[in-house]
Amino acid sequence: RRDQAKNEVEARTIKAPISGTISDVRVRVGQHLNPGEVIASLAPKGATQASIVAMVPADYRPMLEVGQTMRFELDGFKYEYDDLQVSEISAEAIGPEEVQRFLGQERANSVAMTGGAKVLVQAKLPASSFKSEGEQFGYFDGLTGNAEIRVRRETLLVMLVPALRTFMP
């Protein structure tokens, strides 16, 4: 009986593949689970910095470099920017279906996807929280925002009169 009870408990036990801290629980008591469903987010033990992943149109891949500045604005916090350093850039472009697979079933519909191939660009956040209007807020897995990376620089005059590009160095 004891072995049978132990086996029943083990059959209902979920173990994390690594040591860490649970940051987001996505199930409730009594909810049925299917194999492969995400039930929680796990930050690895000793992880010091959170990071963001931006989807950049693949057309810009030749102009992207590790170390560039990425300006990040979290949705819902207008004009609260973080200037981050790009730490990783995917080696190849991926299509919209692969981006959705990367995001996972639970987040695939939370991000507005435009057509065309994308390059994944990663940057580390400076802290686990941010300040907005004098209040401290934490970053959480799955939050969305806008990221901008400057890939070209032009003078205002050239922007207004594009024909001047041929005369300017």
C-alpha atoms as a PDB file:
ATOM      1  CA  ARG A   1       0.000   0.000   0.000  1.00  0.00           C
ATOM      2  CA  ARG A   2       2.810   2.339   0.905  1.00  0.00           C
ATOM      3  CA  ASP A   3       4.578   1.779  -2.429  1.00  0.00           C
ATOM      4  CA  GLN A   4       1.302   2.260  -4.296  1.00  0.00           C
ATOM      5  CA  ALA A   5       0.629   5.545  -2.474  1.00  0.00           C
ATOM      6  CA  LYS A   6       4.186   6.681  -3.157  1.00  0.00           C
ATOM      7  CA  ASN A   7       3.793   5.898  -6.886  1.00  0.00           C
ATOM      8  CA  GLU A   8       0.503   7.836  -7.007  1.00  0.00           C
ATOM      9  CA  VAL A   9       2.144  10.885  -5.432  1.00  0.00           C
ATOM     10  CA  GLU A  10       5.097  10.678  -7.840  1.00  0.00           C
ATOM     11  CA  ALA A  11       2.702  10.439 -10.802  1.00  0.00           C
ATOM     12  CA  ARG A  12       1.161  13.774  -9.751  1.00  0.00           C
ATOM     13  CA  THR A  13       4.463  15.486  -8.978  1.00  0.00           C
ATOM     14  CA  ILE A  14       6.084  17.900 -11.398  1.00  0.00           C
ATOM     15  CA  LYS A  15       9.812  18.441 -11.079  1.00  0.00           C
ATOM     16  CA  ALA A  16      11.797  21.310 -12.556  1.00  0.00           C
ATOM     17  CA  PRO A  17      14.615  20.325 -14.915  1.00  0.00           C
ATOM     18  CA  ILE A  18      16.975  22.830 -13.210  1.00  0.00           C
ATOM     19  CA  SER A  19      17.328  24.569  -9.841  1.00  0.00           C
ATOM     20  CA  GLY A  20      15.857  28.041  -9.768  1.00  0.00           C
ATOM     21  CA  THR A  21      13.120  30.399  -8.669  1.00  0.00           C
ATOM     22  CA  ILE A  22       9.548  30.216  -9.929  1.00  0.00           C
ATOM     23  CA  SER A  23       8.510  33.605 -11.242  1.00  0.00           C
ATOM     24  CA  ASP A  24       5.117  32.953 -12.863  1.00  0.00           C
ATOM     25  CA  VAL A  25       2.627  30.170 -12.097  1.00  0.00           C
ATOM     26  CA  ARG A  26       0.104  29.581 -14.886  1.00  0.00           C
ATOM     27  CA  VAL A  27      -2.067  26.827 -13.400  1.00  0.00           C
ATOM     28  CA  ARG A  28      -4.601  26.667 -10.621  1.00  0.00           C
ATOM     29  CA  VAL A  29      -5.671  23.948  -8.221  1.00  0.00           C
ATOM     30  CA  GLY A  30      -7.749  21.249  -9.908  1.00  0.00           C
ATOM     31  CA  GLN A  31      -6.797  22.263 -13.453  1.00  0.00           C
ATOM     32  CA  HIS A  32      -6.095  19.363 -15.817  1.00  0.00           C
ATOM     33  CA  LEU A  33      -2.787  19.461 -17.657  1.00  0.00           C
ATOM     34  CA  ASN A  34      -1.704  18.031 -20.971  1.00  0.00           C
ATOM     35  CA  PRO A  35       1.845  16.917 -21.753  1.00  0.00           C
ATOM     36  CA  GLY A  36       4.004  19.827 -22.930  1.00  0.00           C
ATOM     37  CA  GLU A  37       1.893  22.601 -21.402  1.00  0.00           C
ATOM     38  CA  VAL A  38       3.758  25.449 -19.723  1.00  0.00           C
ATOM     39  CA  ILE A  39       2.774  25.624 -16.066  1.00  0.00           C
ATOM     40  CA  ALA A  40       5.367  28.055 -14.671  1.00  0.00           C
ATOM     41  CA  SER A  41       8.332  30.239 -15.553  1.00  0.00           C
ATOM     42  CA  LEU A  42      11.592  29.294 -13.921  1.00  0.00           C
ATOM     43  CA  ALA A  43      14.579  31.614 -13.493  1.00  0.00           C
ATOM     44  CA  PRO A  44      17.790  29.552 -13.192  1.00  0.00           C
ATOM     45  CA  LYS A  45      19.490  29.573  -9.809  1.00  0.00           C
ATOM     46  CA  GLY A  46      22.154  32.251  -9.751  1.00  0.00           C
ATOM     47  CA  ALA A  47      20.684  34.116 -12.720  1.00  0.00           C
ATOM     48  CA  THR A  48      21.676  37.708 -12.211  1.00  0.00           C
ATOM     49  CA  GLN A  49      20.038  39.543 -15.086  1.00  0.00           C
ATOM     50  CA  ALA A  50      16.804  39.282 -16.980  1.00  0.00           C
ATOM     51  CA  SER A  51      16.863  39.872 -20.703  1.00  0.00           C
ATOM     52  CA  ILE A  52      14.539  40.857 -23.512  1.00  0.00           C
ATOM     53  CA  VAL A  53      14.245  39.417 -26.992  1.00  0.00           C
ATOM     54  CA  ALA A  54      13.231  41.729 -29.833  1.00  0.00           C
ATOM     55  CA  MET A  55      12.031  40.658 -33.271  1.00  0.00           C
ATOM     56  CA  VAL A  56      13.672  42.850 -35.907  1.00  0.00           C
ATOM     57  CA  PRO A  57      12.862  42.665 -39.637  1.00  0.00           C
ATOM     58  CA  ALA A  58      15.500  40.486 -41.305  1.00  0.00           C
ATOM     59  CA  ASP A  59      16.259  43.240 -43.849  1.00  0.00           C
ATOM     60  CA  TYR A  60      18.279  44.965 -41.105  1.00  0.00           C
ATOM     61  CA  ARG A  61      20.434  41.936 -40.165  1.00  0.00           C
ATOM     62  CA  PRO A  62      23.557  43.141 -42.055  1.00  0.00           C
ATOM     63  CA  MET A  63      23.451  46.423 -40.081  1.00  0.00           C
ATOM     64  CA  LEU A  64      23.060  44.844 -36.629  1.00  0.00           C
ATOM     65  CA  GLU A  65      26.053  44.316 -34.333  1.00  0.00           C
ATOM     66  CA  VAL A  66      26.594  43.123 -30.783  1.00  0.00           C
ATOM     67  CA  GLY A  67      27.139  46.183 -28.592  1.00  0.00           C
ATOM     68  CA  GLN A  68      24.690  48.467 -30.407  1.00  0.00           C
ATOM     69  CA  THR A  69      22.247  50.423 -28.291  1.00  0.00           C
ATOM     70  CA  MET A  70      18.644  49.226 -28.160  1.00  0.00           C
ATOM     71  CA  ARG A  71      16.047  51.612 -26.765  1.00  0.00           C
ATOM     72  CA  PHE A  72      13.294  49.680 -24.987  1.00  0.00           C
ATOM     73  CA  GLU A  73       9.895  50.976 -23.859  1.00  0.00           C
ATOM     74  CA  LEU A  74       7.613  48.652 -21.917  1.00  0.00           C
ATOM     75  CA  ASP A  75       3.959  48.678 -23.043  1.00  0.00           C
ATOM     76  CA  GLY A  76       1.820  50.704 -20.645  1.00  0.00           C
ATOM     77  CA  PHE A  77       4.703  52.921 -19.473  1.00  0.00           C
ATOM     78  CA  LYS A  78       4.965  55.717 -22.048  1.00  0.00           C
ATOM     79  CA  TYR A  79       8.235  57.629 -22.194  1.00  0.00           C
ATOM     80  CA  GLU A  80       9.940  55.304 -19.698  1.00  0.00           C
ATOM     81  CA  TYR A  81      12.920  54.133 -21.749  1.00  0.00           C
ATOM     82  CA  ASP A  82      15.860  51.870 -21.037  1.00  0.00           C
ATOM     83  CA  ASP A  83      18.907  52.088 -23.282  1.00  0.00           C
ATOM     84  CA  LEU A  84      20.265  48.532 -23.433  1.00  0.00           C
ATOM     85  CA  GLN A  85      23.295  46.929 -25.081  1.00  0.00           C
ATOM     86  CA  VAL A  86      22.601  44.264 -27.711  1.00  0.00           C
ATOM     87  CA  SER A  87      24.215  41.059 -26.383  1.00  0.00           C
ATOM     88  CA  GLU A  88      23.155  38.466 -28.981  1.00  0.00           C
ATOM     89  CA  ILE A  89      21.847  38.422 -32.546  1.00  0.00           C
ATOM     90  CA  SER A  90      20.496  35.301 -34.208  1.00  0.00           C
ATOM     91  CA  ALA A  91      22.680  34.044 -37.039  1.00  0.00           C
ATOM     92  CA  GLU A  92      19.799  33.550 -39.424  1.00  0.00           C
ATOM     93  CA  ALA A  93      16.405  34.964 -40.255  1.00  0.00           C
ATOM     94  CA  ILE A  94      13.323  33.008 -39.254  1.00  0.00           C
ATOM     95  CA  GLY A  95       9.756  33.088 -40.546  1.00  0.00           C
ATOM     96  CA  PRO A  96       6.616  34.091 -38.628  1.00  0.00           C
ATOM     97  CA  GLU A  97       5.728  30.470 -37.777  1.00  0.00           C
ATOM     98  CA  GLU A  98       9.170  29.891 -36.223  1.00  0.00           C
ATOM     99  CA  VAL A  99       8.837  33.147 -34.240  1.00  0.00           C
ATOM    100  CA  GLN A 100       5.512  31.927 -32.864  1.00  0.00           C
ATOM    101  CA  ARG A 101       7.100  28.575 -31.957  1.00  0.00           C
ATOM    102  CA  PHE A 102       9.916  30.471 -30.200  1.00  0.00           C
ATOM    103  CA  LEU A 103       7.392  32.550 -28.226  1.00  0.00           C
ATOM    104  CA  GLY A 104       5.458  29.437 -27.245  1.00  0.00           C
ATOM    105  CA  GLN A 105       1.783  28.614 -27.479  1.00  0.00           C
ATOM    106  CA  GLU A 106       0.869  30.739 -24.449  1.00  0.00           C
ATOM    107  CA  ARG A 107       2.435  33.969 -25.842  1.00  0.00           C
ATOM    108  CA  ALA A 108       2.161  33.569 -29.616  1.00  0.00           C
ATOM    109  CA  ASN A 109      -1.012  35.671 -29.887  1.00  0.00           C
ATOM    110  CA  SER A 110       0.103  38.390 -27.460  1.00  0.00           C
ATOM    111  CA  VAL A 111       2.551  39.925 -29.947  1.00  0.00           C
ATOM    112  CA  ALA A 112       1.438  41.717 -33.114  1.00  0.00           C
ATOM    113  CA  MET A 113       3.235  39.998 -35.980  1.00  0.00           C
ATOM    114  CA  THR A 114       3.911  41.704 -39.272  1.00  0.00           C
ATOM    115  CA  GLY A 115       4.757  39.627 -42.313  1.00  0.00           C
ATOM    116  CA  GLY A 116       8.254  38.726 -43.358  1.00  0.00           C
ATOM    117  CA  ALA A 117      11.301  37.105 -41.847  1.00  0.00           C
ATOM    118  CA  LYS A 118      12.658  38.233 -38.469  1.00  0.00           C
ATOM    119  CA  VAL A 119      15.984  38.267 -36.663  1.00  0.00           C
ATOM    120  CA  LEU A 120      15.969  37.725 -32.889  1.00  0.00           C
ATOM    121  CA  VAL A 121      18.003  40.300 -30.972  1.00  0.00           C
ATOM    122  CA  GLN A 122      18.689  39.895 -27.244  1.00  0.00           C
ATOM    123  CA  ALA A 123      19.710  42.496 -24.648  1.00  0.00           C
ATOM    124  CA  LYS A 124      20.146  42.242 -20.876  1.00  0.00           C
ATOM    125  CA  LEU A 125      18.023  44.417 -18.605  1.00  0.00           C
ATOM    126  CA  PRO A 126      19.976  46.559 -16.126  1.00  0.00           C
ATOM    127  CA  ALA A 127      17.955  45.355 -13.107  1.00  0.00           C
ATOM    128  CA  SER A 128      15.059  43.099 -12.143  1.00  0.00           C
ATOM    129  CA  SER A 129      12.824  46.134 -11.664  1.00  0.00           C
ATOM    130  CA  PHE A 130      12.268  49.635 -13.060  1.00  0.00           C
ATOM    131  CA  LYS A 131      10.975  52.950 -11.767  1.00  0.00           C
ATOM    132  CA  SER A 132       8.002  54.815 -13.221  1.00  0.00           C
ATOM    133  CA  GLU A 133       6.526  57.996 -11.771  1.00  0.00           C
ATOM    134  CA  GLY A 134       8.340  57.396  -8.495  1.00  0.00           C
ATOM    135  CA  GLU A 135       7.102  53.806  -8.042  1.00  0.00           C
ATOM    136  CA  GLN A 136       9.152  50.626  -8.350  1.00  0.00           C
ATOM    137  CA  PHE A 137       7.814  47.835 -10.605  1.00  0.00           C
ATOM    138  CA  GLY A 138       9.235  44.418 -11.405  1.00  0.00           C
ATOM    139  CA  TYR A 139       9.898  42.908 -14.820  1.00  0.00           C
ATOM    140  CA  PHE A 140       8.014  39.674 -15.440  1.00  0.00           C
ATOM    141  CA  ASP A 141       8.231  36.970 -18.070  1.00  0.00           C
ATOM    142  CA  GLY A 142       5.888  37.645 -20.979  1.00  0.00           C
ATOM    143  CA  LEU A 143       5.692  41.448 -20.731  1.00  0.00           C
ATOM    144  CA  THR A 144       5.739  43.198 -24.099  1.00  0.00           C
ATOM    145  CA  GLY A 145       7.142  46.475 -25.330  1.00  0.00           C
ATOM    146  CA  ASN A 146       8.800  48.253 -28.236  1.00  0.00           C
ATOM    147  CA  ALA A 147      12.481  48.129 -29.064  1.00  0.00           C
ATOM    148  CA  GLU A 148      14.333  50.429 -31.449  1.00  0.00           C
ATOM    149  CA  ILE A 149      17.864  50.025 -32.792  1.00  0.00           C
ATOM    150  CA  ARG A 150      19.488  52.792 -34.807  1.00  0.00           C
ATOM    151  CA  VAL A 151      20.948  51.245 -37.950  1.00  0.00           C
ATOM    152  CA  ARG A 152      21.497  54.371 -40.097  1.00  0.00           C
ATOM    153  CA  ARG A 153      22.247  57.998 -39.498  1.00  0.00           C
ATOM    154  CA  GLU A 154      21.296  60.799 -41.865  1.00  0.00           C
ATOM    155  CA  THR A 155      21.277  64.529 -41.550  1.00  0.00           C
ATOM    156  CA  LEU A 156      17.937  66.302 -41.568  1.00  0.00           C
ATOM    157  CA  LEU A 157      18.846  67.997 -44.830  1.00  0.00           C
ATOM    158  CA  VAL A 158      19.416  64.637 -46.588  1.00  0.00           C
ATOM    159  CA  MET A 159      16.135  63.328 -45.191  1.00  0.00           C
ATOM    160  CA  LEU A 160      14.297  66.317 -46.640  1.00  0.00           C
ATOM    161  CA  VAL A 161      16.171  66.264 -49.986  1.00  0.00           C
ATOM    162  CA  PRO A 162      17.204  62.632 -50.704  1.00  0.00           C
ATOM    163  CA  ALA A 163      18.977  63.635 -53.945  1.00  0.00           C
ATOM    164  CA  LEU A 164      21.734  65.211 -51.785  1.00  0.00           C
ATOM    165  CA  ARG A 165      22.940  61.704 -50.778  1.00  0.00           C
ATOM    166  CA  THR A 166      25.042  61.537 -53.941  1.00  0.00           C
ATOM    167  CA  PHE A 167      26.958  64.680 -52.890  1.00  0.00           C
ATOM    168  CA  MET A 168      27.345  63.923 -49.178  1.00  0.00           C
ATOM    169  CA  PRO A 169      30.036  61.532 -47.850  1.00  0.00           C
END
